[in-house]
Amino acid sequence: KINPFFPWFYLYILPFLRIQSHRRISSDDFIKPIPECLTAEYQYSLMIKALNNKDVGETKEEFNILRILIMIHWKEYLICCILRTIHEVSLLVRILFLQRFIEHYLEMDNIVSREKALIDCLIIGIASLLSVIAFRNSIFYSNMLGTKIKIGCSALIYRKILTINSCNIQNTTTGQVTNLLSSDVGRFERFAFLSNNLISTPILVILVFPLMYFNLGWSGIFGMLLVMLVFPLSLGFAKLFSIVRQKAATFTDQRITLINEILVGMKAIKVFGWEELYEAAVKNARSQEFSQICKIMYCHSFYSAIMFSYVNVVTFCVYVLYSGLGFPLNIVTVLSSNIILTNIITCVLVFGIALRELGELKCVFKRIDSFIGFNDIFFNEEK
């Protein structure tokens, strides 16, 4: 009631605001039956429907869980990307008109400049409002998309466990299943939050090129080329993360399987006095897994150290080159260019983090593909 514009910034909480306008919200309002789109049965039915589609592939070799997820959720992902792109473009519009506002403010003695400054303020406010609305809702719907993918893959893995055939049961371990359901599918939620930048960031880079040339000339183009170096660097790190993650997941499966075997056969271990033997085996499995996790952490730290110092390095190189070419630096040029560089490099850094998560998610796709199989799904559905 105090701020009537608040619901438009957070469209997804409108149902709770409607309840609160009549009475106080209680804990029972949060424990209602979840929507049908978030149920495991509904997400599983969507995956089976996509599996029966001939476009997915008629043979086992053509089966790909990534292709199925794209067929199911491409519209929702497109909406999230559009919202994130609106947010990024609104930031650019705000920066552009902020630069014009400063120029008009320096000429405030002129009545025409004063009117133009007021118009620029109005456009800056509209762009800021549009940016906030698009950003908040893109975050929410991205998290919803990640939750749906996680639920669907978990339901598919669970149905596979219930209907696994005798030929594949010997190749399936408890550690593999536990790792898939507890760790691997959870990566979909983290990746969904960052995945929108894979589409919006290249669009933003294309739009920033003429702005940097307009502000700093060829020095701005040089700065954008330095920013573009992040893309191949991120691709290289993404491939490295995928390899290390695959090895770490394999050792994790072995450790969980060994622990499960120890717990099941604890009586026999106590009777025959095999405690030291199995203790050495557990220590060996943990050391192998820990070494791979340390490699992942070292790679993360090295990548983060490079990326988060990149803003200052690029800004320093651009301004040194601009001054070296004999151009004077003024407050308008420095302020607008610095804001543009900070925003674009931040988006590129998030783009690199998204590529890193995608590299680790590639390992998850391979593990799910190898576990589920194509014939088992169709055999059990027909049965």
Protein backbone atom coordinates (compact mmCIF):
# COMPACT_ATOMS: atom_id res chain seq x y z
CA LYS A 1 0.00 0.00 0.00
CA ILE A 2 2.92 2.34 0.60
CA ASN A 3 4.58 1.80 -2.79
CA PRO A 4 2.10 0.86 -5.54
CA PHE A 5 4.92 0.48 -8.08
CA PHE A 6 6.70 -2.23 -6.08
CA PRO A 7 4.83 -5.22 -7.62
CA TRP A 8 5.94 -4.23 -11.12
CA PHE A 9 9.58 -4.65 -10.14
CA TYR A 10 8.90 -8.17 -8.80
CA LEU A 11 6.09 -9.56 -10.92
CA TYR A 12 6.46 -13.07 -9.52
CA ILE A 13 5.38 -12.10 -5.98
CA LEU A 14 2.02 -10.66 -7.09
CA PRO A 15 0.03 -13.63 -5.63
CA PHE A 16 1.48 -12.99 -2.15
CA LEU A 17 0.76 -9.26 -2.45
CA ARG A 18 -2.86 -10.01 -3.34
CA ILE A 19 -3.17 -12.17 -0.20
CA GLN A 20 -1.49 -9.58 1.98
CA SER A 21 -3.84 -6.84 0.75
CA HIS A 22 -6.70 -8.74 2.48
CA ARG A 23 -4.94 -10.38 5.45
CA ARG A 24 -1.52 -11.10 6.92
CA ILE A 25 0.54 -13.82 5.20
CA SER A 26 0.94 -16.99 7.26
CA SER A 27 3.21 -20.00 6.90
CA ASP A 28 0.36 -21.99 5.33
CA ASP A 29 0.42 -19.67 2.31
CA PHE A 30 3.91 -20.89 1.45
CA ILE A 31 3.00 -24.59 1.84
CA LYS A 32 0.55 -24.92 -1.01
CA PRO A 33 0.56 -27.54 -3.76
CA ILE A 34 3.32 -26.60 -6.17
CA PRO A 35 2.38 -25.72 -9.77
CA GLU A 36 2.01 -28.57 -12.20
CA CYS A 37 4.97 -27.34 -14.26
CA LEU A 38 7.28 -28.00 -11.27
CA THR A 39 6.13 -31.55 -10.55
CA ALA A 40 8.35 -34.49 -11.39
CA GLU A 41 5.52 -36.25 -13.24
CA TYR A 42 4.93 -33.31 -15.55
CA GLN A 43 8.62 -32.77 -16.35
CA TYR A 44 9.11 -36.50 -16.90
CA SER A 45 6.15 -36.60 -19.30
CA LEU A 46 7.68 -33.73 -21.28
CA MET A 47 10.96 -35.62 -21.60
CA ILE A 48 9.24 -38.82 -22.71
CA LYS A 49 7.24 -36.83 -25.26
CA ALA A 50 10.49 -35.36 -26.58
CA LEU A 51 12.07 -38.83 -26.66
CA ASN A 52 9.22 -40.10 -28.82
CA ASN A 53 9.83 -37.27 -31.27
CA LYS A 54 11.63 -38.47 -34.37
CA ASP A 55 13.70 -35.30 -34.47
CA VAL A 56 15.65 -36.47 -31.42
CA GLY A 57 16.95 -39.55 -33.16
CA GLU A 58 15.81 -43.06 -33.92
CA THR A 59 18.97 -44.85 -32.83
CA LYS A 60 20.82 -45.11 -29.57
CA GLU A 61 23.89 -43.34 -30.93
CA GLU A 62 21.86 -40.21 -31.74
CA PHE A 63 20.41 -39.84 -28.24
CA ASN A 64 21.43 -36.59 -26.55
CA ILE A 65 19.94 -35.22 -23.31
CA LEU A 66 21.04 -31.69 -24.25
CA ARG A 67 18.98 -31.83 -27.44
CA ILE A 68 15.95 -32.98 -25.47
CA LEU A 69 16.27 -30.13 -22.98
CA ILE A 70 16.55 -27.62 -25.81
CA MET A 71 13.40 -28.98 -27.43
CA ILE A 72 11.46 -28.66 -24.16
CA HIS A 73 12.71 -25.38 -22.71
CA TRP A 74 13.93 -23.28 -25.64
CA LYS A 75 11.01 -20.83 -25.41
CA GLU A 76 11.58 -20.15 -21.70
CA TYR A 77 15.30 -19.74 -22.28
CA LEU A 78 14.62 -17.31 -25.13
CA ILE A 79 12.41 -15.19 -22.87
CA CYS A 80 15.14 -15.08 -20.21
CA CYS A 81 17.72 -14.05 -22.83
CA ILE A 82 15.44 -11.29 -24.15
CA LEU A 83 14.95 -9.93 -20.62
CA ARG A 84 18.69 -9.96 -19.94
CA THR A 85 19.39 -8.28 -23.31
CA ILE A 86 16.85 -5.55 -22.49
CA HIS A 87 18.66 -5.02 -19.19
CA GLU A 88 22.06 -4.67 -20.88
CA VAL A 89 20.80 -2.38 -23.65
CA SER A 90 19.02 -0.21 -21.07
CA LEU A 91 22.33 0.23 -19.25
CA LEU A 92 23.98 1.37 -22.47
CA VAL A 93 21.17 3.84 -23.17
CA ARG A 94 21.52 5.19 -19.66
CA ILE A 95 25.28 5.65 -20.07
CA LEU A 96 24.86 7.37 -23.44
CA PHE A 97 22.29 9.86 -22.19
CA LEU A 98 24.25 10.41 -18.98
CA GLN A 99 27.14 11.57 -21.14
CA ARG A 100 24.83 13.93 -23.01
CA PHE A 101 23.39 15.21 -19.73
CA ILE A 102 26.86 16.13 -18.45
CA GLU A 103 27.63 17.95 -21.69
CA HIS A 104 24.37 19.89 -21.45
CA TYR A 105 24.96 20.59 -17.77
CA LEU A 106 28.28 22.22 -18.57
CA GLU A 107 26.36 24.54 -20.91
CA MET A 108 23.50 25.27 -18.51
CA ASP A 109 23.50 28.99 -19.35
CA ASN A 110 21.74 28.11 -22.58
CA ILE A 111 17.96 27.55 -22.23
CA VAL A 112 18.00 24.94 -25.02
CA SER A 113 20.69 22.97 -23.21
CA ARG A 114 18.61 23.08 -20.02
CA GLU A 115 15.59 21.60 -21.80
CA LYS A 116 17.74 18.93 -23.40
CA ALA A 117 19.21 18.09 -20.00
CA LEU A 118 15.73 17.60 -18.55
CA ILE A 119 14.81 15.31 -21.46
CA ASP A 120 18.01 13.35 -20.89
CA CYS A 121 17.11 12.97 -17.19
CA LEU A 122 13.70 11.59 -18.16
CA ILE A 123 15.21 9.06 -20.57
CA ILE A 124 17.79 8.02 -17.94
CA GLY A 125 15.00 7.39 -15.44
CA ILE A 126 12.95 5.34 -17.92
CA ALA A 127 16.00 3.30 -18.90
CA SER A 128 16.85 2.65 -15.24
CA LEU A 129 13.28 1.54 -14.52
CA LEU A 130 13.24 -0.78 -17.54
CA SER A 131 16.64 -2.19 -16.58
CA VAL A 132 15.54 -3.03 -13.04
CA ILE A 133 12.30 -4.69 -14.17
CA ALA A 134 14.04 -6.78 -16.85
CA PHE A 135 16.94 -7.79 -14.57
CA ARG A 136 14.82 -8.88 -11.57
CA ASN A 137 12.44 -10.95 -13.65
CA SER A 138 15.21 -12.51 -15.76
CA ILE A 139 16.86 -13.76 -12.55
CA PHE A 140 13.62 -15.26 -11.28
CA TYR A 141 12.66 -17.01 -14.53
CA SER A 142 16.23 -18.26 -15.02
CA ASN A 143 16.14 -19.89 -11.58
CA MET A 144 12.74 -21.38 -12.41
CA LEU A 145 14.16 -22.81 -15.62
CA GLY A 146 17.09 -24.36 -13.78
CA THR A 147 14.73 -25.88 -11.22
CA LYS A 148 12.56 -27.43 -13.96
CA ILE A 149 15.59 -28.96 -15.69
CA LYS A 150 16.87 -30.32 -12.37
CA ILE A 151 13.49 -31.87 -11.54
CA GLY A 152 13.12 -33.38 -15.01
CA CYS A 153 16.58 -34.96 -15.03
CA SER A 154 16.12 -36.25 -11.48
CA ALA A 155 12.81 -37.86 -12.46
CA LEU A 156 14.41 -39.42 -15.52
CA ILE A 157 17.28 -40.85 -13.45
CA TYR A 158 14.85 -42.13 -10.80
CA ARG A 159 12.67 -43.89 -13.39
CA LYS A 160 15.80 -45.41 -14.91
CA ILE A 161 16.81 -46.80 -11.50
CA LEU A 162 13.39 -48.44 -11.05
CA THR A 163 13.38 -50.03 -14.49
CA ILE A 164 17.02 -50.85 -15.10
CA ASN A 165 17.50 -54.12 -16.96
CA SER A 166 19.68 -57.04 -15.92
CA CYS A 167 22.32 -56.31 -18.57
CA ASN A 168 23.16 -52.84 -17.22
CA ILE A 169 22.67 -53.41 -13.49
CA GLN A 170 26.20 -54.78 -13.12
CA ASN A 171 27.64 -51.58 -14.62
CA THR A 172 25.65 -49.32 -12.25
CA THR A 173 27.05 -48.45 -8.83
CA THR A 174 25.46 -46.76 -5.85
CA GLY A 175 28.13 -44.07 -5.90
CA GLN A 176 27.32 -43.19 -9.50
CA VAL A 177 23.61 -42.80 -8.79
CA THR A 178 24.21 -40.83 -5.58
CA ASN A 179 26.64 -38.47 -7.29
CA LEU A 180 24.23 -37.90 -10.19
CA LEU A 181 21.28 -36.99 -7.97
CA SER A 182 23.15 -35.06 -5.27
CA SER A 183 25.79 -33.14 -7.21
CA ASP A 184 25.49 -33.32 -10.99
CA VAL A 185 21.86 -32.28 -11.51
CA GLY A 186 22.32 -29.38 -9.07
CA ARG A 187 24.64 -27.73 -11.58
CA PHE A 188 21.68 -26.97 -13.83
CA GLU A 189 20.43 -24.40 -11.32
CA ARG A 190 23.79 -22.65 -11.11
CA PHE A 191 24.25 -22.64 -14.86
CA ALA A 192 20.73 -21.34 -15.59
CA PHE A 193 21.46 -18.19 -13.59
CA LEU A 194 24.48 -17.42 -15.81
CA SER A 195 23.41 -18.89 -19.14
CA ASN A 196 21.58 -15.76 -20.32
CA ASN A 197 24.92 -13.98 -20.70
CA LEU A 198 25.92 -16.44 -23.42
CA ILE A 199 23.43 -14.66 -25.70
CA SER A 200 23.27 -11.11 -24.32
CA THR A 201 27.02 -10.49 -23.99
CA PRO A 202 27.93 -10.89 -27.72
CA ILE A 203 25.06 -8.54 -28.60
CA LEU A 204 26.30 -6.03 -26.05
CA VAL A 205 29.88 -6.23 -27.38
CA ILE A 206 28.68 -5.45 -30.91
CA LEU A 207 26.75 -2.41 -29.65
CA VAL A 208 29.67 -1.11 -27.56
CA PHE A 209 32.18 -1.02 -30.44
CA PRO A 210 30.77 2.17 -32.07
CA LEU A 211 30.33 3.84 -28.66
CA MET A 212 33.98 3.28 -27.74
CA TYR A 213 35.11 4.53 -31.15
CA PHE A 214 32.92 7.63 -30.71
CA ASN A 215 34.44 8.39 -27.28
CA LEU A 216 38.09 7.35 -27.60
CA GLY A 217 38.68 6.72 -31.30
CA TRP A 218 41.10 3.94 -32.15
CA SER A 219 42.12 3.71 -28.51
CA GLY A 220 38.60 2.54 -27.73
CA ILE A 221 38.81 -0.09 -30.50
CA PHE A 222 42.11 -1.26 -29.01
CA GLY A 223 40.42 -1.59 -25.61
CA MET A 224 37.57 -3.62 -27.10
CA LEU A 225 40.10 -5.93 -28.77
CA LEU A 226 41.67 -6.48 -25.36
CA VAL A 227 38.22 -7.28 -24.01
CA MET A 228 37.69 -9.77 -26.85
CA LEU A 229 40.73 -11.73 -25.67
CA VAL A 230 38.59 -12.95 -22.77
CA PHE A 231 36.54 -15.13 -25.14
CA PRO A 232 39.33 -17.52 -26.29
CA LEU A 233 40.77 -17.49 -22.77
CA SER A 234 37.40 -18.51 -21.34
CA LEU A 235 36.97 -21.25 -23.95
CA GLY A 236 40.36 -22.70 -23.05
CA PHE A 237 39.56 -22.69 -19.35
CA ALA A 238 36.12 -24.18 -20.03
CA LYS A 239 37.74 -27.13 -21.80
CA LEU A 240 40.21 -27.53 -18.94
CA PHE A 241 37.43 -27.44 -16.33
CA SER A 242 35.50 -30.09 -18.28
CA ILE A 243 38.47 -32.49 -18.27
CA VAL A 244 39.29 -32.01 -14.59
CA ARG A 245 35.63 -32.24 -13.58
CA GLN A 246 35.26 -35.57 -15.42
CA LYS A 247 38.20 -37.04 -13.53
CA ALA A 248 36.96 -35.71 -10.19
CA ALA A 249 33.47 -37.15 -10.77
CA THR A 250 34.97 -40.57 -11.54
CA PHE A 251 36.97 -40.62 -8.29
CA THR A 252 33.91 -39.41 -6.36
CA ASP A 253 31.86 -42.32 -7.73
CA GLN A 254 34.56 -44.78 -6.68
CA ARG A 255 34.78 -43.33 -3.17
CA ILE A 256 31.01 -43.37 -2.59
CA THR A 257 30.79 -46.94 -3.91
CA LEU A 258 33.59 -48.04 -1.58
CA ILE A 259 31.96 -46.41 1.46
CA ASN A 260 28.66 -48.06 0.62
CA GLU A 261 30.32 -51.48 0.34
CA ILE A 262 31.99 -50.96 3.72
CA LEU A 263 28.70 -50.03 5.40
CA VAL A 264 26.88 -52.99 3.89
CA GLY A 265 29.59 -55.52 4.80
CA MET A 266 30.58 -54.04 8.16
CA LYS A 267 29.92 -57.29 10.05
CA ALA A 268 32.21 -59.29 7.78
CA ILE A 269 34.93 -56.64 8.05
CA LYS A 270 34.78 -56.80 11.85
CA VAL A 271 34.79 -60.60 11.91
CA PHE A 272 37.86 -61.01 9.65
CA GLY A 273 39.73 -57.96 10.98
CA TRP A 274 39.90 -56.07 7.67
CA GLU A 275 39.63 -52.61 9.24
CA GLU A 276 43.16 -51.50 8.38
CA LEU A 277 42.88 -52.82 4.82
CA TYR A 278 39.68 -50.91 4.12
CA GLU A 279 40.97 -47.85 5.97
CA ALA A 280 43.92 -47.72 3.57
CA ALA A 281 41.56 -48.15 0.61
CA VAL A 282 39.35 -45.27 1.81
CA LYS A 283 42.38 -43.02 2.36
CA ASN A 284 43.64 -43.83 -1.13
CA ALA A 285 40.24 -43.05 -2.69
CA ARG A 286 39.93 -39.80 -0.76
CA SER A 287 43.45 -38.68 -1.67
CA GLN A 288 42.78 -39.26 -5.37
CA GLU A 289 39.51 -37.35 -5.19
CA PHE A 290 41.07 -34.56 -3.13
CA SER A 291 43.90 -34.11 -5.63
CA GLN A 292 41.39 -33.55 -8.45
CA ILE A 293 39.34 -31.16 -6.32
CA CYS A 294 42.51 -29.20 -5.54
CA LYS A 295 43.22 -28.94 -9.27
CA ILE A 296 39.71 -27.57 -9.83
CA MET A 297 40.18 -25.01 -7.04
CA TYR A 298 43.59 -23.95 -8.37
CA CYS A 299 42.10 -23.45 -11.83
CA HIS A 300 39.20 -21.46 -10.38
CA SER A 301 41.55 -19.25 -8.36
CA PHE A 302 43.90 -18.62 -11.28
CA TYR A 303 41.01 -17.82 -13.61
CA SER A 304 39.37 -15.49 -11.08
CA ALA A 305 42.66 -13.67 -10.41
CA ILE A 306 43.10 -13.00 -14.13
CA MET A 307 39.52 -11.98 -14.81
CA PHE A 308 38.90 -9.64 -11.90
CA SER A 309 42.15 -7.73 -12.47
CA TYR A 310 41.39 -7.42 -16.15
CA VAL A 311 39.19 -4.32 -15.71
CA ASN A 312 42.03 -2.21 -14.34
CA VAL A 313 44.53 -3.52 -16.87
CA VAL A 314 42.31 -2.74 -19.88
CA THR A 315 41.35 0.70 -18.55
CA PHE A 316 44.99 1.59 -17.91
CA CYS A 317 46.10 0.47 -21.40
CA VAL A 318 43.28 2.39 -23.12
CA TYR A 319 43.96 5.69 -21.35
CA VAL A 320 47.74 5.42 -21.80
CA LEU A 321 47.30 4.86 -25.53
CA TYR A 322 44.75 7.68 -25.79
CA SER A 323 47.08 10.12 -24.05
CA GLY A 324 50.07 8.88 -26.01
CA LEU A 325 48.31 9.72 -29.26
CA GLY A 326 48.06 13.34 -28.11
CA PHE A 327 44.37 13.54 -27.26
CA PRO A 328 43.33 15.44 -24.11
CA LEU A 329 41.35 13.68 -21.40
CA ASN A 330 38.28 15.51 -20.12
CA ILE A 331 35.71 14.64 -17.48
CA VAL A 332 32.99 13.63 -19.98
CA THR A 333 35.22 11.26 -21.94
CA VAL A 334 36.78 9.65 -18.87
CA LEU A 335 33.49 9.19 -17.00
CA SER A 336 31.48 7.73 -19.88
CA SER A 337 34.29 5.54 -21.18
CA ASN A 338 35.09 4.24 -17.72
CA ILE A 339 31.45 3.28 -17.09
CA ILE A 340 31.18 1.60 -20.50
CA LEU A 341 34.42 -0.35 -20.00
CA THR A 342 33.44 -1.42 -16.50
CA ASN A 343 30.02 -2.66 -17.63
CA ILE A 344 31.24 -4.46 -20.74
CA ILE A 345 34.17 -6.13 -18.95
CA THR A 346 31.87 -7.20 -16.12
CA CYS A 347 29.49 -8.78 -18.64
CA VAL A 348 32.40 -10.47 -20.41
CA LEU A 349 33.66 -11.81 -17.08
CA VAL A 350 30.24 -13.28 -16.32
CA PHE A 351 30.27 -14.69 -19.86
CA GLY A 352 33.56 -16.40 -19.05
CA ILE A 353 32.14 -17.81 -15.80
CA ALA A 354 29.14 -19.10 -17.77
CA LEU A 355 31.51 -20.80 -20.22
CA ARG A 356 33.37 -22.33 -17.29
CA GLU A 357 30.11 -23.70 -15.88
CA LEU A 358 29.17 -24.93 -19.34
CA GLY A 359 32.47 -26.80 -19.55
CA GLU A 360 31.72 -28.56 -16.27
CA LEU A 361 28.11 -29.11 -17.34
CA LYS A 362 29.34 -30.87 -20.47
CA CYS A 363 30.71 -33.56 -18.19
CA VAL A 364 27.28 -33.85 -16.53
CA PHE A 365 25.58 -34.33 -19.91
CA LYS A 366 27.98 -37.15 -20.78
CA ARG A 367 27.39 -38.87 -17.45
CA ILE A 368 23.59 -38.63 -17.75
CA ASP A 369 23.69 -39.87 -21.36
CA SER A 370 25.82 -42.87 -20.44
CA PHE A 371 23.66 -43.72 -17.41
CA ILE A 372 20.17 -43.41 -18.87
CA GLY A 373 20.58 -45.10 -22.25
CA PHE A 374 18.11 -45.04 -25.12
CA ASN A 375 16.69 -48.55 -25.36
CA ASP A 376 15.81 -48.79 -21.66
CA ILE A 377 13.59 -45.72 -21.76
CA PHE A 378 11.62 -46.84 -24.79
CA PHE A 379 11.45 -50.46 -23.63
CA ASN A 380 9.98 -49.50 -20.27
CA GLU A 381 7.53 -46.96 -21.68
CA GLU A 382 6.19 -49.49 -24.20
CA LYS A 383 6.00 -52.14 -21.47
